[in-house]
N, C-alpha and C. Protein backbone atom coordinates (compact mmCIF):
# COMPACT_ATOMS: atom_id res chain seq x y z
N MET A 1 -30.07 30.95 -6.17
CA MET A 1 -31.37 32.12 -6.33
C MET A 1 -32.43 31.67 -5.89
N THR A 2 -33.48 31.95 -5.07
CA THR A 2 -34.64 31.69 -4.81
C THR A 2 -35.99 32.27 -6.00
N ALA A 3 -36.82 32.01 -5.80
CA ALA A 3 -37.79 32.14 -7.28
C ALA A 3 -38.53 33.76 -6.59
N ASP A 4 -38.39 33.72 -5.06
CA ASP A 4 -38.74 35.24 -4.37
C ASP A 4 -37.71 36.55 -4.25
N ALA A 5 -36.60 36.16 -5.41
CA ALA A 5 -35.50 36.81 -5.34
C ALA A 5 -36.14 38.13 -6.33
N PRO A 6 -35.59 38.97 -5.71
CA PRO A 6 -36.09 40.38 -6.23
C PRO A 6 -35.64 40.53 -7.89
N VAL A 7 -36.22 41.46 -8.39
CA VAL A 7 -35.86 41.79 -9.83
C VAL A 7 -35.25 42.90 -9.70
N GLY A 8 -33.64 43.51 -10.27
CA GLY A 8 -33.10 44.23 -10.01
C GLY A 8 -33.07 45.51 -11.50
N ILE A 9 -33.19 46.35 -11.23
CA ILE A 9 -32.93 47.44 -12.05
C ILE A 9 -32.16 48.84 -11.58
N VAL A 10 -30.84 48.98 -12.91
CA VAL A 10 -29.85 49.52 -12.52
C VAL A 10 -30.14 50.93 -13.55
N GLY A 11 -30.24 51.74 -12.88
CA GLY A 11 -30.71 52.84 -14.11
C GLY A 11 -31.68 53.34 -13.19
N LEU A 12 -32.02 54.29 -12.68
CA LEU A 12 -33.79 54.85 -11.95
C LEU A 12 -34.05 56.08 -12.55
N GLY A 13 -33.61 56.50 -13.73
CA GLY A 13 -33.88 57.25 -14.49
C GLY A 13 -35.71 57.22 -15.15
N LEU A 14 -35.95 58.03 -16.30
CA LEU A 14 -37.29 57.55 -17.12
C LEU A 14 -37.76 56.15 -17.03
N MET A 15 -37.13 55.33 -17.87
CA MET A 15 -37.31 54.27 -18.09
C MET A 15 -36.95 53.61 -16.72
N GLY A 16 -36.05 53.53 -16.20
CA GLY A 16 -35.96 53.03 -15.29
C GLY A 16 -36.77 52.85 -13.93
N ILE A 17 -37.53 54.16 -13.71
CA ILE A 17 -38.17 54.27 -12.70
C ILE A 17 -39.79 54.05 -13.05
N ALA A 18 -40.01 53.87 -14.08
CA ALA A 18 -41.01 53.68 -14.75
C ALA A 18 -41.38 51.83 -15.07
N LEU A 19 -40.51 51.45 -15.34
CA LEU A 19 -40.50 49.70 -15.12
C LEU A 19 -40.49 49.14 -13.67
N SER A 20 -39.80 50.29 -12.69
CA SER A 20 -39.67 49.71 -11.45
C SER A 20 -41.35 49.70 -10.45
N ALA A 21 -41.84 50.70 -11.26
CA ALA A 21 -43.40 51.18 -10.67
C ALA A 21 -43.94 50.15 -11.02
N ARG A 22 -44.19 49.95 -12.62
CA ARG A 22 -44.99 48.34 -13.06
C ARG A 22 -44.92 47.51 -12.27
N LEU A 23 -43.74 46.84 -11.98
CA LEU A 23 -42.84 45.76 -11.21
C LEU A 23 -43.68 46.07 -9.56
N ILE A 24 -43.77 46.51 -9.01
CA ILE A 24 -44.11 47.12 -7.59
C ILE A 24 -45.52 47.02 -7.69
N ASP A 25 -46.32 47.37 -8.84
CA ASP A 25 -47.66 47.54 -8.65
C ASP A 25 -47.96 46.23 -8.61
N ALA A 26 -47.44 45.00 -9.44
CA ALA A 26 -47.52 43.79 -9.80
C ALA A 26 -47.29 43.17 -8.78
N LYS A 27 -46.63 43.76 -7.35
CA LYS A 27 -46.26 42.87 -6.36
C LYS A 27 -45.09 41.85 -6.53
N ILE A 28 -44.22 42.19 -7.80
CA ILE A 28 -43.08 41.49 -7.53
C ILE A 28 -42.12 42.30 -7.14
N PRO A 29 -40.98 41.44 -6.08
CA PRO A 29 -40.21 42.14 -5.13
C PRO A 29 -39.12 42.96 -6.37
N LEU A 30 -38.60 43.73 -5.91
CA LEU A 30 -37.85 44.82 -6.95
C LEU A 30 -36.43 45.42 -5.93
N ILE A 31 -35.24 45.47 -6.82
CA ILE A 31 -34.41 46.21 -5.84
C ILE A 31 -33.82 47.11 -6.98
N GLY A 32 -33.28 48.20 -6.64
CA GLY A 32 -32.66 49.46 -7.43
C GLY A 32 -31.58 49.82 -7.24
N PHE A 33 -31.17 50.07 -8.22
CA PHE A 33 -29.62 50.94 -7.95
C PHE A 33 -29.69 52.32 -9.04
N ASP A 34 -29.22 53.26 -8.53
CA ASP A 34 -28.83 54.57 -9.36
C ASP A 34 -27.83 55.58 -8.58
N ILE A 35 -27.41 56.21 -9.32
CA ILE A 35 -26.05 57.17 -8.97
C ILE A 35 -26.55 58.22 -7.90
N ASP A 36 -27.78 58.39 -8.17
CA ASP A 36 -28.71 59.80 -7.65
C ASP A 36 -29.18 58.78 -6.54
N PRO A 37 -28.89 59.70 -5.35
CA PRO A 37 -29.23 59.03 -4.06
C PRO A 37 -30.99 59.69 -3.91
N GLY A 38 -31.34 60.33 -4.73
CA GLY A 38 -33.02 60.69 -4.66
C GLY A 38 -33.74 59.67 -5.59
N GLN A 39 -32.83 59.35 -6.25
CA GLN A 39 -33.91 57.78 -7.21
C GLN A 39 -33.68 56.76 -6.54
N MET A 40 -32.78 57.11 -5.60
CA MET A 40 -32.70 55.61 -4.40
C MET A 40 -33.91 55.85 -3.50
N ARG A 41 -34.19 57.40 -3.25
CA ARG A 41 -34.82 57.41 -2.13
C ARG A 41 -36.52 57.03 -2.69
N ASP A 42 -36.48 57.55 -4.12
CA ASP A 42 -37.87 57.57 -4.44
C ASP A 42 -38.44 55.88 -5.11
N VAL A 43 -37.74 55.15 -4.73
CA VAL A 43 -37.89 53.48 -5.22
C VAL A 43 -38.27 53.09 -3.97
N LYS A 44 -37.34 53.38 -2.69
CA LYS A 44 -37.81 52.79 -2.06
C LYS A 44 -39.46 53.35 -1.52
N ALA A 45 -39.78 54.67 -1.35
CA ALA A 45 -40.34 55.15 -0.89
C ALA A 45 -42.07 54.55 -1.82
N SER A 46 -41.38 54.32 -2.91
CA SER A 46 -42.46 53.38 -3.61
C SER A 46 -42.88 51.75 -3.24
N GLY A 47 -42.13 51.16 -2.02
CA GLY A 47 -42.00 49.88 -1.69
C GLY A 47 -41.29 48.92 -2.33
N GLY A 48 -40.11 49.39 -3.25
CA GLY A 48 -38.64 49.08 -3.46
C GLY A 48 -37.76 48.98 -2.54
N MET A 49 -36.71 48.16 -2.94
CA MET A 49 -35.39 48.09 -2.00
C MET A 49 -34.38 48.72 -2.70
N ALA A 50 -33.43 49.11 -2.32
CA ALA A 50 -31.85 50.37 -2.75
C ALA A 50 -31.02 49.01 -2.30
N ALA A 51 -30.42 49.18 -3.87
CA ALA A 51 -29.14 48.66 -3.07
C ALA A 51 -28.10 49.59 -3.30
N THR A 52 -26.87 48.90 -2.61
CA THR A 52 -25.67 50.19 -2.24
C THR A 52 -24.65 50.09 -3.14
N SER A 53 -24.80 49.31 -4.26
CA SER A 53 -23.78 49.13 -5.63
C SER A 53 -24.45 48.33 -6.65
N VAL A 54 -23.88 48.51 -7.73
CA VAL A 54 -24.36 47.49 -9.18
C VAL A 54 -24.00 45.88 -8.31
N ARG A 55 -22.91 45.54 -8.04
CA ARG A 55 -22.55 44.31 -7.46
C ARG A 55 -23.62 43.58 -6.83
N ALA A 56 -23.82 44.64 -5.44
CA ALA A 56 -24.65 44.02 -4.39
C ALA A 56 -26.27 43.47 -5.20
N LEU A 57 -26.50 44.76 -6.05
CA LEU A 57 -27.72 44.67 -6.70
C LEU A 57 -27.51 43.16 -7.36
N ALA A 58 -26.56 42.73 -7.89
CA ALA A 58 -26.35 41.41 -8.52
C ALA A 58 -26.19 39.91 -7.77
N ALA A 59 -25.72 40.26 -6.62
CA ALA A 59 -25.58 39.40 -5.66
C ALA A 59 -26.99 38.68 -5.56
N ARG A 60 -27.79 39.95 -5.23
CA ARG A 60 -29.67 39.25 -4.72
C ARG A 60 -30.45 39.63 -6.19
N ALA A 61 -30.41 39.64 -6.74
CA ALA A 61 -31.53 39.39 -8.19
C ALA A 61 -31.30 38.46 -8.87
N ARG A 62 -32.71 38.04 -9.26
CA ARG A 62 -33.17 36.77 -10.28
C ARG A 62 -33.30 37.31 -11.82
N THR A 63 -33.35 38.45 -11.77
CA THR A 63 -33.40 39.19 -13.17
C THR A 63 -32.41 40.47 -13.37
N ILE A 64 -32.43 41.11 -14.25
CA ILE A 64 -31.56 42.34 -14.09
C ILE A 64 -31.99 43.40 -14.92
N ILE A 65 -32.58 44.30 -14.71
CA ILE A 65 -32.84 45.43 -16.12
C ILE A 65 -31.63 45.95 -16.10
N VAL A 66 -30.87 46.73 -16.81
CA VAL A 66 -30.22 47.61 -17.10
C VAL A 66 -30.95 48.63 -17.97
N ALA A 67 -31.22 49.79 -17.53
CA ALA A 67 -31.98 51.01 -18.10
C ALA A 67 -31.14 52.29 -17.44
N VAL A 68 -30.10 52.42 -18.24
CA VAL A 68 -29.16 53.40 -18.47
C VAL A 68 -28.97 54.66 -19.98
N ILE A 69 -28.76 55.52 -19.83
CA ILE A 69 -28.86 56.22 -20.80
C ILE A 69 -27.93 56.13 -22.48
N ALA A 70 -26.64 55.58 -21.89
CA ALA A 70 -25.83 55.53 -22.94
C ALA A 70 -25.49 53.66 -23.13
N ALA A 71 -25.31 53.18 -23.76
CA ALA A 71 -24.64 51.70 -24.49
C ALA A 71 -23.33 51.95 -23.59
N ASN A 72 -22.56 53.00 -23.96
CA ASN A 72 -21.27 52.59 -23.21
C ASN A 72 -21.13 52.43 -21.82
N ARG A 73 -22.29 53.37 -21.18
CA ARG A 73 -22.53 53.44 -19.76
C ARG A 73 -23.33 51.59 -19.55
N SER A 74 -23.97 51.30 -20.36
CA SER A 74 -24.43 49.69 -20.12
C SER A 74 -23.30 48.93 -20.21
N ARG A 75 -22.63 48.97 -20.79
CA ARG A 75 -21.72 48.08 -20.99
C ARG A 75 -20.33 47.88 -20.24
N ARG A 76 -20.25 48.86 -19.69
CA ARG A 76 -19.39 49.15 -18.43
C ARG A 76 -19.89 48.11 -16.80
N TYR A 77 -21.16 48.04 -16.93
CA TYR A 77 -22.10 47.28 -15.72
C TYR A 77 -22.05 45.54 -16.08
N SER A 78 -21.45 45.31 -17.25
CA SER A 78 -21.71 43.93 -17.51
C SER A 78 -20.81 43.14 -16.43
N PRO A 79 -19.21 43.55 -16.61
CA PRO A 79 -18.43 42.58 -15.63
C PRO A 79 -18.65 42.84 -14.27
N ILE A 80 -19.13 43.83 -14.05
CA ILE A 80 -19.70 44.16 -12.57
C ILE A 80 -20.95 43.33 -12.26
N ILE A 81 -21.33 43.07 -13.01
CA ILE A 81 -22.65 42.26 -12.84
C ILE A 81 -22.56 40.74 -12.77
N ASP A 82 -21.49 40.37 -13.74
CA ASP A 82 -21.08 38.71 -13.50
C ASP A 82 -20.24 38.82 -12.16
N ASP A 83 -19.34 39.65 -11.87
CA ASP A 83 -18.58 39.22 -10.61
C ASP A 83 -19.95 39.18 -9.51
N GLY A 84 -20.68 40.36 -9.31
CA GLY A 84 -21.45 40.21 -8.15
C GLY A 84 -22.04 38.91 -7.99
N ALA A 85 -22.74 38.85 -9.52
CA ALA A 85 -23.74 37.47 -9.37
C ALA A 85 -23.15 36.04 -8.96
N GLY A 86 -21.73 35.77 -9.27
CA GLY A 86 -20.84 34.81 -9.51
C GLY A 86 -21.82 33.46 -9.97
N ALA A 87 -22.22 32.36 -9.16
CA ALA A 87 -22.47 31.22 -9.87
C ALA A 87 -24.09 31.61 -10.00
N ALA A 88 -24.85 32.13 -9.53
CA ALA A 88 -26.19 32.72 -10.15
C ALA A 88 -26.79 32.90 -11.21
N ARG A 89 -25.88 33.67 -12.15
CA ARG A 89 -26.12 34.03 -13.31
C ARG A 89 -27.84 34.72 -13.68
N PRO A 90 -28.04 35.76 -13.08
CA PRO A 90 -29.14 36.15 -13.36
C PRO A 90 -29.36 36.48 -14.94
N GLY A 91 -30.57 36.31 -15.58
CA GLY A 91 -31.33 37.19 -16.99
C GLY A 91 -30.60 38.67 -16.55
N VAL A 92 -30.50 39.21 -17.69
CA VAL A 92 -29.75 40.80 -18.13
C VAL A 92 -30.74 40.93 -18.99
N ILE A 93 -31.47 42.11 -19.12
CA ILE A 93 -32.65 42.47 -20.03
C ILE A 93 -31.65 44.17 -20.53
N CYS A 94 -31.55 44.40 -21.22
CA CYS A 94 -30.51 46.05 -21.40
C CYS A 94 -31.50 46.83 -22.27
N THR A 95 -32.30 47.82 -21.70
CA THR A 95 -33.33 48.78 -22.10
C THR A 95 -32.82 49.76 -22.59
N THR A 96 -31.46 49.94 -23.15
CA THR A 96 -30.90 51.03 -23.40
C THR A 96 -30.85 51.37 -24.82
N THR A 97 -30.92 52.78 -25.24
CA THR A 97 -31.57 52.84 -26.21
C THR A 97 -30.64 53.57 -26.92
């Protein structure tokens, strides 16, 4: 993983889109994923990149922020992130409430 690898955000709802806007404004490369295609379009229109899946996001991101609405949803992404990241082992931050 390179230093210029993007930060990834899984979940582009209220929290995820706010965090992505701050990162994009700070000129930090960002890649996002959400199950809602509209949220994916919004992050791309703001200057971020859109991943095709959580696994694809994990393969590219140096740090991953999980910003989904419920803890049971965030837990299901852990094995997918591990699988997608392989040996890279990005840091994962969970903002789930």
